[in-house]
């Protein structure tokens, strides 16, 4: 369970970081954040590889 929470937190941080850079690059910060959160959710949803 803690693994899932950690992945959600990391996905959100990565998503917002990527979204901020992407949003500034295209001049639409809200769009960048939306794309970033989708990327973060995909990261959190991917199966753990060990």
PDB file of N, CA and C in Angstrom:
ATOM      1  N   UNK A   1       0.824  -1.204   0.000  1.00  0.00           N
ATOM      2  CA  UNK A   1       0.000   0.000   0.000  1.00  0.00           C
ATOM      3  C   UNK A   1       0.864   1.262   0.000  1.00  0.00           C
ATOM      4  N   UNK A   2       1.920   1.254   0.803  1.00  0.00           N
ATOM      5  CA  UNK A   2       2.791   2.426   0.845  1.00  0.00           C
ATOM      6  C   UNK A   2       3.481   2.652  -0.505  1.00  0.00           C
ATOM      7  N   UNK A   3       3.725   1.560  -1.237  1.00  0.00           N
ATOM      8  CA  UNK A   3       4.317   1.681  -2.574  1.00  0.00           C
ATOM      9  C   UNK A   3       3.404   2.482  -3.496  1.00  0.00           C
ATOM     10  N   UNK A   4       2.101   2.216  -3.427  1.00  0.00           N
ATOM     11  CA  UNK A   4       1.139   2.936  -4.260  1.00  0.00           C
ATOM     12  C   UNK A   4       1.123   4.418  -3.902  1.00  0.00           C
ATOM     13  N   UNK A   5       1.113   4.719  -2.612  1.00  0.00           N
ATOM     14  CA  UNK A   5       1.102   6.117  -2.175  1.00  0.00           C
ATOM     15  C   UNK A   5       2.368   6.827  -2.641  1.00  0.00           C
ATOM     16  N   UNK A   6       3.523   6.156  -2.488  1.00  0.00           N
ATOM     17  CA  UNK A   6       4.791   6.740  -2.918  1.00  0.00           C
ATOM     18  C   UNK A   6       4.765   7.033  -4.413  1.00  0.00           C
ATOM     19  N   UNK A   7       4.222   6.091  -5.204  1.00  0.00           N
ATOM     20  CA  UNK A   7       4.162   6.285  -6.655  1.00  0.00           C
ATOM     21  C   UNK A   7       3.211   7.420  -7.022  1.00  0.00           C
ATOM     22  N   UNK A   8       2.098   7.558  -6.293  1.00  0.00           N
ATOM     23  CA  UNK A   8       1.176   8.665  -6.557  1.00  0.00           C
ATOM     24  C   UNK A   8       1.836  10.006  -6.250  1.00  0.00           C
ATOM     25  N   UNK A   9       2.558  10.062  -5.124  1.00  0.00           N
ATOM     26  CA  UNK A   9       3.247  11.308  -4.760  1.00  0.00           C
ATOM     27  C   UNK A   9       4.320  11.647  -5.790  1.00  0.00           C
ATOM     28  N   UNK A  10       5.136  10.656  -6.149  1.00  0.00           N
ATOM     29  CA  UNK A  10       6.191  10.893  -7.131  1.00  0.00           C
ATOM     30  C   UNK A  10       5.600  11.263  -8.493  1.00  0.00           C
ATOM     31  N   UNK A  11       4.516  10.592  -8.868  1.00  0.00           N
ATOM     32  CA  UNK A  11       3.859  10.909 -10.134  1.00  0.00           C
ATOM     33  C   UNK A  11       3.354  12.340 -10.160  1.00  0.00           C
ATOM     34  N   UNK A  12       2.797  12.792  -9.045  1.00  0.00           N
ATOM     35  CA  UNK A  12       2.296  14.165  -8.964  1.00  0.00           C
ATOM     36  C   UNK A  12       3.442  15.167  -9.059  1.00  0.00           C
ATOM     37  N   UNK A  13       4.533  14.890  -8.332  1.00  0.00           N
ATOM     38  CA  UNK A  13       5.687  15.799  -8.358  1.00  0.00           C
ATOM     39  C   UNK A  13       6.294  15.854  -9.757  1.00  0.00           C
ATOM     40  N   UNK A  14       6.505  14.682 -10.357  1.00  0.00           N
ATOM     41  CA  UNK A  14       7.066  14.625 -11.710  1.00  0.00           C
ATOM     42  C   UNK A  14       6.119  15.310 -12.697  1.00  0.00           C
ATOM     43  N   UNK A  15       4.818  15.023 -12.555  1.00  0.00           N
ATOM     44  CA  UNK A  15       3.829  15.610 -13.458  1.00  0.00           C
ATOM     45  C   UNK A  15       3.783  17.122 -13.377  1.00  0.00           C
ATOM     46  N   UNK A  16       3.794  17.665 -12.166  1.00  0.00           N
ATOM     47  CA  UNK A  16       3.745  19.121 -12.018  1.00  0.00           C
ATOM     48  C   UNK A  16       5.038  19.766 -12.498  1.00  0.00           C
ATOM     49  N   UNK A  17       6.165  19.102 -12.244  1.00  0.00           N
ATOM     50  CA  UNK A  17       7.437  19.632 -12.725  1.00  0.00           C
ATOM     51  C   UNK A  17       7.490  19.651 -14.245  1.00  0.00           C
ATOM     52  N   UNK A  18       7.125  18.528 -14.859  1.00  0.00           N
ATOM     53  CA  UNK A  18       7.081  18.445 -16.317  1.00  0.00           C
ATOM     54  C   UNK A  18       6.048  19.420 -16.872  1.00  0.00           C
ATOM     55  N   UNK A  19       4.884  19.476 -16.213  1.00  0.00           N
ATOM     56  CA  UNK A  19       3.808  20.356 -16.670  1.00  0.00           C
ATOM     57  C   UNK A  19       4.190  21.821 -16.622  1.00  0.00           C
ATOM     58  N   UNK A  20       4.933  22.215 -15.592  1.00  0.00           N
ATOM     59  CA  UNK A  20       5.370  23.612 -15.486  1.00  0.00           C
ATOM     60  C   UNK A  20       6.307  23.965 -16.633  1.00  0.00           C
ATOM     61  N   UNK A  21       7.283  23.099 -16.898  1.00  0.00           N
ATOM     62  CA  UNK A  21       8.225  23.344 -18.000  1.00  0.00           C
ATOM     63  C   UNK A  21       7.479  23.370 -19.332  1.00  0.00           C
ATOM     64  N   UNK A  22       6.606  22.377 -19.539  1.00  0.00           N
ATOM     65  CA  UNK A  22       5.851  22.292 -20.789  1.00  0.00           C
ATOM     66  C   UNK A  22       4.917  23.490 -20.933  1.00  0.00           C
ATOM     67  N   UNK A  23       4.241  23.854 -19.838  1.00  0.00           N
ATOM     68  CA  UNK A  23       3.304  24.979 -19.872  1.00  0.00           C
ATOM     69  C   UNK A  23       3.995  26.294 -20.190  1.00  0.00           C
ATOM     70  N   UNK A  24       5.152  26.535 -19.584  1.00  0.00           N
ATOM     71  CA  UNK A  24       5.903  27.758 -19.865  1.00  0.00           C
ATOM     72  C   UNK A  24       6.371  27.760 -21.321  1.00  0.00           C
ATOM     73  N   UNK A  25       6.770  26.587 -21.820  1.00  0.00           N
ATOM     74  CA  UNK A  25       7.271  26.491 -23.194  1.00  0.00           C
ATOM     75  C   UNK A  25       6.190  26.844 -24.209  1.00  0.00           C
ATOM     76  N   UNK A  26       4.935  26.419 -23.951  1.00  0.00           N
ATOM     77  CA  UNK A  26       3.856  26.701 -24.906  1.00  0.00           C
ATOM     78  C   UNK A  26       3.077  27.953 -24.522  1.00  0.00           C
ATOM     79  N   UNK A  27       3.393  28.551 -23.363  1.00  0.00           N
ATOM     80  CA  UNK A  27       2.716  29.766 -22.936  1.00  0.00           C
ATOM     81  C   UNK A  27       1.348  29.536 -22.324  1.00  0.00           C
ATOM     82  N   UNK A  28       1.015  28.302 -22.001  1.00  0.00           N
ATOM     83  CA  UNK A  28      -0.279  27.969 -21.387  1.00  0.00           C
ATOM     84  C   UNK A  28      -0.009  27.089 -20.171  1.00  0.00           C
ATOM     85  N   UNK A  29       0.183  27.714 -19.002  1.00  0.00           N
ATOM     86  CA  UNK A  29       0.575  26.973 -17.811  1.00  0.00           C
ATOM     87  C   UNK A  29      -0.493  25.973 -17.391  1.00  0.00           C
ATOM     88  N   UNK A  30      -1.769  26.353 -17.489  1.00  0.00           N
ATOM     89  CA  UNK A  30      -2.853  25.447 -17.081  1.00  0.00           C
ATOM     90  C   UNK A  30      -2.867  24.196 -17.958  1.00  0.00           C
ATOM     91  N   UNK A  31      -2.650  24.366 -19.253  1.00  0.00           N
ATOM     92  CA  UNK A  31      -2.605  23.219 -20.163  1.00  0.00           C
ATOM     93  C   UNK A  31      -1.407  22.338 -19.830  1.00  0.00           C
ATOM     94  N   UNK A  32      -0.283  22.957 -19.540  1.00  0.00           N
ATOM     95  CA  UNK A  32       0.914  22.199 -19.175  1.00  0.00           C
ATOM     96  C   UNK A  32       0.699  21.382 -17.921  1.00  0.00           C
ATOM     97  N   UNK A  33       0.044  21.994 -16.904  1.00  0.00           N
ATOM     98  CA  UNK A  33      -0.232  21.258 -15.672  1.00  0.00           C
ATOM     99  C   UNK A  33      -1.176  20.095 -15.923  1.00  0.00           C
ATOM    100  N   UNK A  34      -2.198  20.292 -16.771  1.00  0.00           N
ATOM    101  CA  UNK A  34      -3.136  19.206 -17.078  1.00  0.00           C
ATOM    102  C   UNK A  34      -2.395  18.047 -17.739  1.00  0.00           C
ATOM    103  N   UNK A  35      -1.546  18.358 -18.711  1.00  0.00           N
ATOM    104  CA  UNK A  35      -0.756  17.320 -19.374  1.00  0.00           C
ATOM    105  C   UNK A  35       0.178  16.651 -18.368  1.00  0.00           C
ATOM    106  N   UNK A  36       0.789  17.449 -17.506  1.00  0.00           N
ATOM    107  CA  UNK A  36       1.703  16.913 -16.503  1.00  0.00           C
ATOM    108  C   UNK A  36       1.019  15.970 -15.535  1.00  0.00           C
ATOM    109  N   UNK A  37      -0.205  16.311 -15.106  1.00  0.00           N
ATOM    110  CA  UNK A  37      -0.931  15.433 -14.190  1.00  0.00           C
ATOM    111  C   UNK A  37      -1.305  14.127 -14.873  1.00  0.00           C
ATOM    112  N   UNK A  38      -1.627  14.183 -16.171  1.00  0.00           N
ATOM    113  CA  UNK A  38      -1.909  12.952 -16.914  1.00  0.00           C
ATOM    114  C   UNK A  38      -0.646  12.084 -16.960  1.00  0.00           C
ATOM    115  N   UNK A  39       0.499  12.713 -17.235  1.00  0.00           N
ATOM    116  CA  UNK A  39       1.769  11.976 -17.245  1.00  0.00           C
ATOM    117  C   UNK A  39       2.037  11.368 -15.872  1.00  0.00           C
ATOM    118  N   UNK A  40       1.772  12.139 -14.814  1.00  0.00           N
ATOM    119  CA  UNK A  40       1.971  11.638 -13.458  1.00  0.00           C
ATOM    120  C   UNK A  40       1.077  10.458 -13.139  1.00  0.00           C
ATOM    121  N   UNK A  41      -0.181  10.526 -13.588  1.00  0.00           N
ATOM    122  CA  UNK A  41      -1.103   9.407 -13.362  1.00  0.00           C
ATOM    123  C   UNK A  41      -0.639   8.165 -14.117  1.00  0.00           C
ATOM    124  N   UNK A  42      -0.152   8.343 -15.331  1.00  0.00           N
ATOM    125  CA  UNK A  42       0.362   7.207 -16.096  1.00  0.00           C
ATOM    126  C   UNK A  42       1.567   6.595 -15.399  1.00  0.00           C
ATOM    127  N   UNK A  43       2.430   7.454 -14.837  1.00  0.00           N
ATOM    128  CA  UNK A  43       3.588   6.945 -14.093  1.00  0.00           C
ATOM    129  C   UNK A  43       3.129   6.138 -12.888  1.00  0.00           C
ATOM    130  N   UNK A  44       2.138   6.646 -12.169  1.00  0.00           N
ATOM    131  CA  UNK A  44       1.651   5.953 -10.972  1.00  0.00           C
ATOM    132  C   UNK A  44       0.941   4.650 -11.331  1.00  0.00           C
ATOM    133  N   UNK A  45       0.353   4.590 -12.527  1.00  0.00           N
ATOM    134  CA  UNK A  45      -0.432   3.421 -12.922  1.00  0.00           C
ATOM    135  C   UNK A  45       0.429   2.305 -13.523  1.00  0.00           C
ATOM    136  N   UNK A  46       1.655   2.637 -13.934  1.00  0.00           N
ATOM    137  CA  UNK A  46       2.487   1.605 -14.547  1.00  0.00           C
ATOM    138  C   UNK A  46       2.884   0.564 -13.515  1.00  0.00           C
ATOM    139  N   UNK A  47       2.931  -0.698 -13.898  1.00  0.00           N
ATOM    140  CA  UNK A  47       3.297  -1.752 -12.951  1.00  0.00           C
ATOM    141  C   UNK A  47       4.742  -1.604 -12.481  1.00  0.00           C
ATOM    142  N   UNK A  48       4.984  -2.024 -11.267  1.00  0.00           N
ATOM    143  CA  UNK A  48       6.323  -1.930 -10.687  1.00  0.00           C
ATOM    144  C   UNK A  48       7.207  -3.019 -11.290  1.00  0.00           C
ATOM    145  N   UNK A  49       8.381  -2.600 -11.764  1.00  0.00           N
ATOM    146  CA  UNK A  49       9.327  -3.573 -12.330  1.00  0.00           C
ATOM    147  C   UNK A  49      10.439  -3.800 -11.319  1.00  0.00           C
ATOM    148  N   UNK A  50      10.641  -5.057 -10.954  1.00  0.00           N
ATOM    149  CA  UNK A  50      11.712  -5.367  -9.994  1.00  0.00           C
ATOM    150  C   UNK A  50      12.644  -6.402 -10.605  1.00  0.00           C
TER     151      UNK A  50
END
